[in-house]
Amino acid sequence: MPELPEVETTLRGIEPFLVNHVIRSIDVRDFRLRWPVPEAIQKACGQTVLSLERRAKYILINLAGGSLLIHLGMSGSIRILTDAIKPREHDPEKHDHWDMVLDHCMVRFNDPRRFGTFLWLEKPVMDHPLLSSLGPEPLSGEFNGTYLHQRSQGRRLAIKNFIMDGKIVVGVGNIYASEALFMAGIYPMRAAGRVSLARYEGLVTAVRDVLNRAIRQGGTTLRDFAGSDGSPGYFAQELLVYGRAGEACFQCGAQVCQKVIGQRSSFYCKTCQR
C-alpha cells in the first residue's frame, strides 16, 4: 500500500505536468472506487491548476473553485501520458478507471483493487471530514518530541500503534514505523505513556530521517507501488529491519524478530530495542 513517501514521490512526479495548465476534460470509466466518484468532479473542467499539495496520503490538486482529492488506496498509481507516447498506448486497460485531460498531457489513474479515491472538495478544503481530524505532518515543525510526549501521557497503547495513528501524526505507515523505532532503539510494544521525552525526541529525528531517505529513493516497492513514470522505489534496499525476520541485525548481529502488533507485521531487534 502506498505510504507517505510513495505519495510524495507521485506528487513530485506529476506536479510539473499539471501546475499552470488547464483541465480540459475528465473521463471516468468506473465510478465505483472506495467512495463513488461524484458527478461534481466535472466542476474541475475548464479550470487552471494552481498548485498541488499532499496532506497525509491524499494528493490535492488545487483550483480556483475547489480541489480534486486523490488517494491511491492499496494499489493505485498515476501515470502521465504525453504526445511522445504512441496513440495505441493511450488505449485504457482494464483497471484504468479515469483520465484527466489537460492542454498538453493526460493523467491516468490505475487501481486494480478499487480502494482509491477521486473526489471534488469545495472550499475550505481542510474542513472536509477526511482531512479535518488529521494530526500534524511528520516533516513539519508541529511534529516534535514535546508534542508526542504530551499526547502520550497515560496511554497504554503500544508505541508502534501510537505513531501510526493518523490523529497523532500522519503518514507513518507500517514499514516506516518499524524502521524508525529500530533507529530510535525503542521496543515497538512499549506503552506510549512509558516513553520519555528524550526518547520521543530521538524518535522524531528517526521518523524524519527514514521518511526523507525513502522520499529521496522514490519510496519502497514491496508489491504494487511504482512512481508516476512507472519506475519502482528503491528504499527497500535500505531497510534495516522490515521484512528481515530471522536475518542478522546490522547493529548487533542478533536475529531480527517478527511480531504481529495491531494486526500488522512488525520487525525489531530484541537486543537493540528496549
C-alpha atoms as a PDB file:
ATOM      1  CA  MET A   1       0.000   0.000   0.000  1.00  0.00           C
ATOM      2  CA  PRO A   2       1.477   3.382  -0.928  1.00  0.00           C
ATOM      3  CA  GLU A   3       2.599   5.307   2.161  1.00  0.00           C
ATOM      4  CA  LEU A   4       3.678   8.923   2.608  1.00  0.00           C
ATOM      5  CA  PRO A   5       6.995   8.655   0.694  1.00  0.00           C
ATOM      6  CA  GLU A   6       5.282   6.935  -2.234  1.00  0.00           C
ATOM      7  CA  VAL A   7       2.530   9.558  -2.323  1.00  0.00           C
ATOM      8  CA  GLU A   8       5.080  12.368  -2.080  1.00  0.00           C
ATOM      9  CA  THR A   9       7.066  10.766  -4.901  1.00  0.00           C
ATOM     10  CA  THR A  10       3.923  10.575  -7.033  1.00  0.00           C
ATOM     11  CA  LEU A  11       3.058  14.210  -6.326  1.00  0.00           C
ATOM     12  CA  ARG A  12       6.545  15.401  -7.267  1.00  0.00           C
ATOM     13  CA  GLY A  13       6.384  13.342 -10.448  1.00  0.00           C
ATOM     14  CA  ILE A  14       3.089  14.751 -11.708  1.00  0.00           C
ATOM     15  CA  GLU A  15       3.331  18.318 -10.388  1.00  0.00           C
ATOM     16  CA  PRO A  16       5.371  19.771 -13.283  1.00  0.00           C
ATOM     17  CA  PHE A  17       2.817  18.447 -15.779  1.00  0.00           C
ATOM     18  CA  LEU A  18      -0.204  19.960 -14.018  1.00  0.00           C
ATOM     19  CA  VAL A  19       0.591  23.328 -12.464  1.00  0.00           C
ATOM     20  CA  ASN A  20      -0.448  26.301 -14.640  1.00  0.00           C
ATOM     21  CA  HIS A  21      -2.213  24.012 -17.122  1.00  0.00           C
ATOM     22  CA  VAL A  22      -5.938  23.829 -17.875  1.00  0.00           C
ATOM     23  CA  ILE A  23      -8.026  20.722 -17.218  1.00  0.00           C
ATOM     24  CA  ARG A  24      -9.895  20.180 -20.491  1.00  0.00           C
ATOM     25  CA  SER A  25     -11.963  17.118 -19.559  1.00  0.00           C
ATOM     26  CA  ILE A  26     -12.305  14.271 -17.068  1.00  0.00           C
ATOM     27  CA  ASP A  27     -13.369  10.850 -18.322  1.00  0.00           C
ATOM     28  CA  VAL A  28     -14.473   8.465 -15.569  1.00  0.00           C
ATOM     29  CA  ARG A  29     -14.863   4.882 -16.785  1.00  0.00           C
ATOM     30  CA  ASP A  30     -15.604   3.309 -13.405  1.00  0.00           C
ATOM     31  CA  PHE A  31     -17.262   5.382 -10.690  1.00  0.00           C
ATOM     32  CA  ARG A  32     -17.038   2.503  -8.166  1.00  0.00           C
ATOM     33  CA  LEU A  33     -13.936   3.400  -6.192  1.00  0.00           C
ATOM     34  CA  ARG A  34     -13.736   3.431  -2.379  1.00  0.00           C
ATOM     35  CA  TRP A  35     -16.379   6.138  -2.499  1.00  0.00           C
ATOM     36  CA  PRO A  36     -18.348   6.684  -5.697  1.00  0.00           C
ATOM     37  CA  VAL A  37     -16.742   9.316  -7.905  1.00  0.00           C
ATOM     38  CA  PRO A  38     -19.180  12.264  -7.760  1.00  0.00           C
ATOM     39  CA  GLU A  39     -20.583  13.986 -10.817  1.00  0.00           C
ATOM     40  CA  ALA A  40     -19.294  17.193  -9.223  1.00  0.00           C
ATOM     41  CA  ILE A  41     -15.821  16.128 -10.345  1.00  0.00           C
ATOM     42  CA  GLN A  42     -16.692  17.789 -13.656  1.00  0.00           C
ATOM     43  CA  LYS A  43     -16.541  21.208 -11.940  1.00  0.00           C
ATOM     44  CA  ALA A  44     -12.771  20.987 -12.390  1.00  0.00           C
ATOM     45  CA  CYS A  45     -13.069  21.139 -16.170  1.00  0.00           C
ATOM     46  CA  GLY A  46     -12.016  24.451 -17.671  1.00  0.00           C
ATOM     47  CA  GLN A  47     -10.061  25.462 -14.571  1.00  0.00           C
ATOM     48  CA  THR A  48      -6.320  26.031 -14.313  1.00  0.00           C
ATOM     49  CA  VAL A  49      -4.302  24.001 -11.824  1.00  0.00           C
ATOM     50  CA  LEU A  50      -2.878  26.443  -9.279  1.00  0.00           C
ATOM     51  CA  SER A  51      -0.874  24.069  -7.100  1.00  0.00           C
ATOM     52  CA  LEU A  52      -0.520  20.535  -5.791  1.00  0.00           C
ATOM     53  CA  GLU A  53      -0.067  19.577  -2.163  1.00  0.00           C
ATOM     54  CA  ARG A  54      -0.015  16.463  -0.044  1.00  0.00           C
ATOM     55  CA  ARG A  55      -1.979  16.111   3.192  1.00  0.00           C
ATOM     56  CA  ALA A  56      -1.217  12.777   4.839  1.00  0.00           C
ATOM     57  CA  LYS A  57      -1.614  10.271   1.983  1.00  0.00           C
ATOM     58  CA  TYR A  58      -4.005  12.471  -0.007  1.00  0.00           C
ATOM     59  CA  ILE A  59      -2.975  14.466  -3.078  1.00  0.00           C
ATOM     60  CA  LEU A  60      -4.813  17.744  -3.518  1.00  0.00           C
ATOM     61  CA  ILE A  61      -4.983  19.383  -6.937  1.00  0.00           C
ATOM     62  CA  ASN A  62      -5.908  22.955  -6.098  1.00  0.00           C
ATOM     63  CA  LEU A  63      -8.026  25.068  -8.464  1.00  0.00           C
ATOM     64  CA  ALA A  64      -9.677  28.456  -8.087  1.00  0.00           C
ATOM     65  CA  GLY A  65     -13.088  26.899  -7.385  1.00  0.00           C
ATOM     66  CA  GLY A  66     -12.084  23.981  -5.180  1.00  0.00           C
ATOM     67  CA  SER A  67      -9.777  20.965  -5.123  1.00  0.00           C
ATOM     68  CA  LEU A  68      -9.583  17.480  -6.550  1.00  0.00           C
ATOM     69  CA  LEU A  69      -8.689  14.964  -3.859  1.00  0.00           C
ATOM     70  CA  ILE A  70      -6.889  11.757  -4.829  1.00  0.00           C
ATOM     71  CA  HIS A  71      -5.974   8.786  -2.662  1.00  0.00           C
ATOM     72  CA  LEU A  72      -4.058   5.889  -4.195  1.00  0.00           C
ATOM     73  CA  GLY A  73      -5.756   3.302  -1.983  1.00  0.00           C
ATOM     74  CA  MET A  74      -3.983  -0.050  -1.702  1.00  0.00           C
ATOM     75  CA  SER A  75      -2.841  -0.480  -5.278  1.00  0.00           C
ATOM     76  CA  GLY A  76      -3.468   2.769  -7.128  1.00  0.00           C
ATOM     77  CA  SER A  77      -0.987   4.543  -9.370  1.00  0.00           C
ATOM     78  CA  ILE A  78      -0.961   7.635 -11.545  1.00  0.00           C
ATOM     79  CA  ARG A  79       0.663   7.797 -14.950  1.00  0.00           C
ATOM     80  CA  ILE A  80       1.342  10.792 -17.165  1.00  0.00           C
ATOM     81  CA  LEU A  81       0.673  10.229 -20.873  1.00  0.00           C
ATOM     82  CA  THR A  82       2.215  12.740 -23.266  1.00  0.00           C
ATOM     83  CA  ASP A  83       2.206  13.260 -27.012  1.00  0.00           C
ATOM     84  CA  ALA A  84       5.509  11.407 -27.140  1.00  0.00           C
ATOM     85  CA  ILE A  85       3.630   8.174 -26.414  1.00  0.00           C
ATOM     86  CA  LYS A  86       2.285   6.306 -29.421  1.00  0.00           C
ATOM     87  CA  PRO A  87      -1.515   6.686 -29.891  1.00  0.00           C
ATOM     88  CA  ARG A  88      -2.235   2.993 -29.374  1.00  0.00           C
ATOM     89  CA  GLU A  89      -0.572   3.199 -25.962  1.00  0.00           C
ATOM     90  CA  HIS A  90      -3.294   5.640 -24.901  1.00  0.00           C
ATOM     91  CA  ASP A  91      -5.940   2.900 -25.042  1.00  0.00           C
ATOM     92  CA  PRO A  92      -7.157   2.294 -21.475  1.00  0.00           C
ATOM     93  CA  GLU A  93      -6.582  -1.083 -19.857  1.00  0.00           C
ATOM     94  CA  LYS A  94      -8.885  -2.996 -17.534  1.00  0.00           C
ATOM     95  CA  HIS A  95      -8.073  -1.130 -14.312  1.00  0.00           C
ATOM     96  CA  ASP A  96      -7.590   2.354 -15.791  1.00  0.00           C
ATOM     97  CA  HIS A  97     -10.578   3.969 -14.065  1.00  0.00           C
ATOM     98  CA  TRP A  98     -10.277   7.627 -15.040  1.00  0.00           C
ATOM     99  CA  ASP A  99      -8.379  10.062 -17.248  1.00  0.00           C
ATOM    100  CA  MET A 100      -7.875  13.764 -16.718  1.00  0.00           C
ATOM    101  CA  VAL A 101      -7.018  15.517 -19.973  1.00  0.00           C
ATOM    102  CA  LEU A 102      -5.047  18.739 -19.829  1.00  0.00           C
ATOM    103  CA  ASP A 103      -3.922  21.037 -22.625  1.00  0.00           C
ATOM    104  CA  HIS A 104      -0.694  19.082 -23.190  1.00  0.00           C
ATOM    105  CA  CYS A 105      -0.954  15.680 -21.495  1.00  0.00           C
ATOM    106  CA  MET A 106      -3.278  13.170 -19.855  1.00  0.00           C
ATOM    107  CA  VAL A 107      -3.299  11.934 -16.266  1.00  0.00           C
ATOM    108  CA  ARG A 108      -4.417   8.303 -15.959  1.00  0.00           C
ATOM    109  CA  PHE A 109      -5.391   6.508 -12.734  1.00  0.00           C
ATOM    110  CA  ASN A 110      -4.976   2.743 -12.456  1.00  0.00           C
ATOM    111  CA  ASP A 111      -6.267   0.822  -9.429  1.00  0.00           C
ATOM    112  CA  PRO A 112      -6.783  -2.963  -9.582  1.00  0.00           C
ATOM    113  CA  ARG A 113      -8.394  -3.159  -6.123  1.00  0.00           C
ATOM    114  CA  ARG A 114     -10.524  -0.008  -6.479  1.00  0.00           C
ATOM    115  CA  PHE A 115      -9.751   1.287  -2.963  1.00  0.00           C
ATOM    116  CA  GLY A 116      -8.584   4.605  -4.384  1.00  0.00           C
ATOM    117  CA  THR A 117     -10.424   7.908  -4.055  1.00  0.00           C
ATOM    118  CA  PHE A 118     -11.270  10.701  -6.502  1.00  0.00           C
ATOM    119  CA  LEU A 119     -13.431  13.465  -5.026  1.00  0.00           C
ATOM    120  CA  TRP A 120     -14.320  17.113  -5.563  1.00  0.00           C
ATOM    121  CA  LEU A 121     -13.865  19.302  -2.470  1.00  0.00           C
ATOM    122  CA  GLU A 122     -15.372  22.745  -2.063  1.00  0.00           C
ATOM    123  CA  LYS A 123     -13.521  25.410  -0.101  1.00  0.00           C
ATOM    124  CA  PRO A 124     -12.434  25.495   2.699  1.00  0.00           C
ATOM    125  CA  VAL A 125     -10.834  22.208   1.685  1.00  0.00           C
ATOM    126  CA  MET A 126      -9.225  21.361   5.028  1.00  0.00           C
ATOM    127  CA  ASP A 127     -12.641  21.357   6.707  1.00  0.00           C
ATOM    128  CA  HIS A 128     -13.614  18.230   4.762  1.00  0.00           C
ATOM    129  CA  PRO A 129     -14.237  15.242   7.107  1.00  0.00           C
ATOM    130  CA  LEU A 130     -11.388  13.249   5.510  1.00  0.00           C
ATOM    131  CA  LEU A 131      -8.894  15.994   6.379  1.00  0.00           C
ATOM    132  CA  SER A 132     -10.204  17.928   9.385  1.00  0.00           C
ATOM    133  CA  SER A 133      -9.166  15.477  12.140  1.00  0.00           C
ATOM    134  CA  LEU A 134      -5.707  14.577  10.846  1.00  0.00           C
ATOM    135  CA  GLY A 135      -2.623  15.035  13.008  1.00  0.00           C
ATOM    136  CA  PRO A 136       0.435  17.088  12.043  1.00  0.00           C
ATOM    137  CA  GLU A 137       2.712  16.235   9.148  1.00  0.00           C
ATOM    138  CA  PRO A 138       5.803  14.290  10.327  1.00  0.00           C
ATOM    139  CA  LEU A 139       8.161  16.581   8.391  1.00  0.00           C
ATOM    140  CA  SER A 140       6.646  19.761   9.842  1.00  0.00           C
ATOM    141  CA  GLY A 141       7.690  21.765  12.895  1.00  0.00           C
ATOM    142  CA  GLU A 142       4.439  20.842  14.650  1.00  0.00           C
ATOM    143  CA  PHE A 143       5.719  17.284  14.960  1.00  0.00           C
ATOM    144  CA  ASN A 144       8.278  17.246  17.761  1.00  0.00           C
ATOM    145  CA  GLY A 145       9.245  15.341  20.891  1.00  0.00           C
ATOM    146  CA  THR A 146       7.293  17.580  23.253  1.00  0.00           C
ATOM    147  CA  TYR A 147       4.119  17.164  21.201  1.00  0.00           C
ATOM    148  CA  LEU A 148       4.398  13.351  21.167  1.00  0.00           C
ATOM    149  CA  HIS A 149       5.271  13.194  24.859  1.00  0.00           C
ATOM    150  CA  GLN A 150       2.247  15.315  25.782  1.00  0.00           C
ATOM    151  CA  ARG A 151      -0.134  13.303  23.589  1.00  0.00           C
ATOM    152  CA  SER A 152       1.139  10.003  25.014  1.00  0.00           C
ATOM    153  CA  GLN A 153       0.556  10.739  28.681  1.00  0.00           C
ATOM    154  CA  GLY A 154      -1.392   7.915  30.326  1.00  0.00           C
ATOM    155  CA  ARG A 155      -1.584   5.927  27.076  1.00  0.00           C
ATOM    156  CA  ARG A 156      -1.060   2.159  27.319  1.00  0.00           C
ATOM    157  CA  LEU A 157      -1.246   1.730  23.562  1.00  0.00           C
ATOM    158  CA  ALA A 158       1.864   0.195  22.002  1.00  0.00           C
ATOM    159  CA  ILE A 159       4.216   2.922  20.793  1.00  0.00           C
ATOM    160  CA  LYS A 160       4.155   1.488  17.255  1.00  0.00           C
ATOM    161  CA  ASN A 161       0.366   1.784  17.047  1.00  0.00           C
ATOM    162  CA  PHE A 162       0.554   5.222  18.667  1.00  0.00           C
ATOM    163  CA  ILE A 163       2.779   6.714  15.958  1.00  0.00           C
ATOM    164  CA  MET A 164       0.731   5.010  13.231  1.00  0.00           C
ATOM    165  CA  ASP A 165      -2.455   6.759  14.431  1.00  0.00           C
ATOM    166  CA  GLY A 166      -3.306   9.419  11.846  1.00  0.00           C
ATOM    167  CA  LYS A 167      -4.868  11.601  14.531  1.00  0.00           C
ATOM    168  CA  ILE A 168      -1.490  11.702  16.306  1.00  0.00           C
ATOM    169  CA  VAL A 169       0.731  12.091  13.253  1.00  0.00           C
ATOM    170  CA  VAL A 170       0.016  11.345   9.601  1.00  0.00           C
ATOM    171  CA  GLY A 171       1.936   9.202   7.186  1.00  0.00           C
ATOM    172  CA  VAL A 172       3.990   6.986   9.491  1.00  0.00           C
ATOM    173  CA  GLY A 173       2.952   3.677   7.955  1.00  0.00           C
ATOM    174  CA  ASN A 174       3.886   0.166   8.980  1.00  0.00           C
ATOM    175  CA  ILE A 175       7.219  -0.032   7.178  1.00  0.00           C
ATOM    176  CA  TYR A 176       8.448   3.353   8.341  1.00  0.00           C
ATOM    177  CA  ALA A 177       7.219   2.889  11.926  1.00  0.00           C
ATOM    178  CA  SER A 178       9.249  -0.324  12.244  1.00  0.00           C
ATOM    179  CA  GLU A 179      12.321   1.337  10.770  1.00  0.00           C
ATOM    180  CA  ALA A 180      12.074   4.493  12.903  1.00  0.00           C
ATOM    181  CA  LEU A 181      11.548   2.588  16.148  1.00  0.00           C
ATOM    182  CA  PHE A 182      14.625   0.489  15.391  1.00  0.00           C
ATOM    183  CA  MET A 183      16.680   3.597  14.667  1.00  0.00           C
ATOM    184  CA  ALA A 184      15.463   5.153  17.953  1.00  0.00           C
ATOM    185  CA  GLY A 185      16.098   1.935  19.917  1.00  0.00           C
ATOM    186  CA  ILE A 186      12.509   1.685  21.169  1.00  0.00           C
ATOM    187  CA  TYR A 187      10.740  -1.673  21.570  1.00  0.00           C
ATOM    188  CA  PRO A 188       7.550  -1.469  19.439  1.00  0.00           C
ATOM    189  CA  MET A 189       5.335  -2.965  22.176  1.00  0.00           C
ATOM    190  CA  ARG A 190       6.406  -0.466  24.827  1.00  0.00           C
ATOM    191  CA  ALA A 191       3.430   1.540  26.130  1.00  0.00           C
ATOM    192  CA  ALA A 192       3.389   5.010  24.578  1.00  0.00           C
ATOM    193  CA  GLY A 193       2.952   6.559  28.031  1.00  0.00           C
ATOM    194  CA  ARG A 194       6.163   4.930  29.238  1.00  0.00           C
ATOM    195  CA  VAL A 195       8.450   6.583  26.702  1.00  0.00           C
ATOM    196  CA  SER A 196      10.469   9.534  27.997  1.00  0.00           C
ATOM    197  CA  LEU A 197      10.635  12.978  26.405  1.00  0.00           C
ATOM    198  CA  ALA A 198      14.264  12.402  25.435  1.00  0.00           C
ATOM    199  CA  ARG A 199      13.388   9.149  23.664  1.00  0.00           C
ATOM    200  CA  TYR A 200      10.481  10.824  21.869  1.00  0.00           C
ATOM    201  CA  GLU A 201      12.863  13.493  20.616  1.00  0.00           C
ATOM    202  CA  GLY A 202      15.068  10.723  19.242  1.00  0.00           C
ATOM    203  CA  LEU A 203      12.056   9.039  17.668  1.00  0.00           C
ATOM    204  CA  VAL A 204      11.010  12.249  15.901  1.00  0.00           C
ATOM    205  CA  THR A 205      14.504  12.527  14.443  1.00  0.00           C
ATOM    206  CA  ALA A 206      14.342   8.891  13.310  1.00  0.00           C
ATOM    207  CA  VAL A 207      10.895   9.288  11.714  1.00  0.00           C
ATOM    208  CA  ARG A 208      12.032  12.321   9.754  1.00  0.00           C
ATOM    209  CA  ASP A 209      15.249  10.640   8.692  1.00  0.00           C
ATOM    210  CA  VAL A 210      13.606   7.451   7.443  1.00  0.00           C
ATOM    211  CA  LEU A 211      10.856   9.325   5.580  1.00  0.00           C
ATOM    212  CA  ASN A 212      13.282  11.745   3.933  1.00  0.00           C
ATOM    213  CA  ARG A 213      15.560   8.916   2.839  1.00  0.00           C
ATOM    214  CA  ALA A 214      12.590   6.989   1.452  1.00  0.00           C
ATOM    215  CA  ILE A 215      11.413  10.045  -0.490  1.00  0.00           C
ATOM    216  CA  ARG A 216      14.886  10.513  -1.975  1.00  0.00           C
ATOM    217  CA  GLN A 217      14.845   6.865  -3.085  1.00  0.00           C
ATOM    218  CA  GLY A 218      11.387   7.182  -4.643  1.00  0.00           C
ATOM    219  CA  GLY A 219       9.566   5.178  -1.970  1.00  0.00           C
ATOM    220  CA  THR A 220       9.560   1.480  -1.129  1.00  0.00           C
ATOM    221  CA  THR A 221       8.365  -1.031  -3.710  1.00  0.00           C
ATOM    222  CA  LEU A 222       7.197  -4.201  -1.959  1.00  0.00           C
ATOM    223  CA  ARG A 223       4.252  -5.192  -4.134  1.00  0.00           C
ATOM    224  CA  ASP A 224       2.285  -2.688  -6.169  1.00  0.00           C
ATOM    225  CA  PHE A 225       3.920   0.701  -5.994  1.00  0.00           C
ATOM    226  CA  ALA A 226       5.639   2.459  -8.866  1.00  0.00           C
ATOM    227  CA  GLY A 227       6.179   6.156  -9.475  1.00  0.00           C
ATOM    228  CA  SER A 228       4.296   8.297 -11.950  1.00  0.00           C
ATOM    229  CA  ASP A 229       6.834   7.372 -14.639  1.00  0.00           C
ATOM    230  CA  GLY A 230       6.421   3.657 -13.925  1.00  0.00           C
ATOM    231  CA  SER A 231       9.748   3.324 -12.113  1.00  0.00           C
ATOM    232  CA  PRO A 232       9.887   1.488  -8.760  1.00  0.00           C
ATOM    233  CA  GLY A 233      11.027   2.928  -5.454  1.00  0.00           C
ATOM    234  CA  TYR A 234      14.385   1.719  -4.197  1.00  0.00           C
ATOM    235  CA  PHE A 235      14.204   2.313  -0.438  1.00  0.00           C
ATOM    236  CA  ALA A 236      13.553  -1.416   0.087  1.00  0.00           C
ATOM    237  CA  GLN A 237      17.274  -1.887  -0.462  1.00  0.00           C
ATOM    238  CA  GLU A 238      17.975   0.236   2.642  1.00  0.00           C
ATOM    239  CA  LEU A 239      15.517  -1.363   5.080  1.00  0.00           C
ATOM    240  CA  LEU A 240      17.183  -2.175   8.397  1.00  0.00           C
ATOM    241  CA  VAL A 241      14.592  -4.483   9.989  1.00  0.00           C
ATOM    242  CA  TYR A 242      11.357  -4.539   7.985  1.00  0.00           C
ATOM    243  CA  GLY A 243      10.961  -7.844   6.149  1.00  0.00           C
ATOM    244  CA  ARG A 244      14.247  -9.194   7.613  1.00  0.00           C
ATOM    245  CA  ALA A 245      12.879 -11.646  10.213  1.00  0.00           C
ATOM    246  CA  GLY A 246      15.491 -14.280  11.060  1.00  0.00           C
ATOM    247  CA  GLU A 247      18.320 -12.311   9.489  1.00  0.00           C
ATOM    248  CA  ALA A 248      21.165 -10.739  11.441  1.00  0.00           C
ATOM    249  CA  CYS A 249      20.680  -7.282  12.910  1.00  0.00           C
ATOM    250  CA  PHE A 250      23.003  -4.819  11.207  1.00  0.00           C
ATOM    251  CA  GLN A 251      23.929  -3.318  14.600  1.00  0.00           C
ATOM    252  CA  CYS A 252      24.427  -6.260  16.959  1.00  0.00           C
ATOM    253  CA  GLY A 253      24.202  -9.450  14.886  1.00  0.00           C
ATOM    254  CA  ALA A 254      21.211 -10.893  16.779  1.00  0.00           C
ATOM    255  CA  GLN A 255      18.278 -12.237  14.781  1.00  0.00           C
ATOM    256  CA  VAL A 256      15.644  -9.736  13.701  1.00  0.00           C
ATOM    257  CA  CYS A 257      12.286 -10.700  15.241  1.00  0.00           C
ATOM    258  CA  GLN A 258       8.784 -10.522  13.788  1.00  0.00           C
ATOM    259  CA  LYS A 259       5.598  -9.983  15.795  1.00  0.00           C
ATOM    260  CA  VAL A 260       2.041  -9.041  14.881  1.00  0.00           C
ATOM    261  CA  ILE A 261       1.143  -5.771  16.604  1.00  0.00           C
ATOM    262  CA  GLY A 262      -2.257  -4.285  15.921  1.00  0.00           C
ATOM    263  CA  GLN A 263      -2.838  -6.779  13.081  1.00  0.00           C
ATOM    264  CA  ARG A 264       0.311  -5.595  11.297  1.00  0.00           C
ATOM    265  CA  SER A 265       3.610  -7.451  10.993  1.00  0.00           C
ATOM    266  CA  SER A 266       6.288  -5.663  12.991  1.00  0.00           C
ATOM    267  CA  PHE A 267      10.027  -6.211  12.831  1.00  0.00           C
ATOM    268  CA  TYR A 268      12.516  -5.354  15.565  1.00  0.00           C
ATOM    269  CA  CYS A 269      15.708  -6.362  17.337  1.00  0.00           C
ATOM    270  CA  LYS A 270      15.130  -7.504  20.908  1.00  0.00           C
ATOM    271  CA  THR A 271      18.724  -6.613  21.782  1.00  0.00           C
ATOM    272  CA  CYS A 272      18.869  -3.101  20.331  1.00  0.00           C
ATOM    273  CA  GLN A 273      15.293  -2.034  21.155  1.00  0.00           C
ATOM    274  CA  ARG A 274      14.131  -1.569  24.739  1.00  0.00           C
END
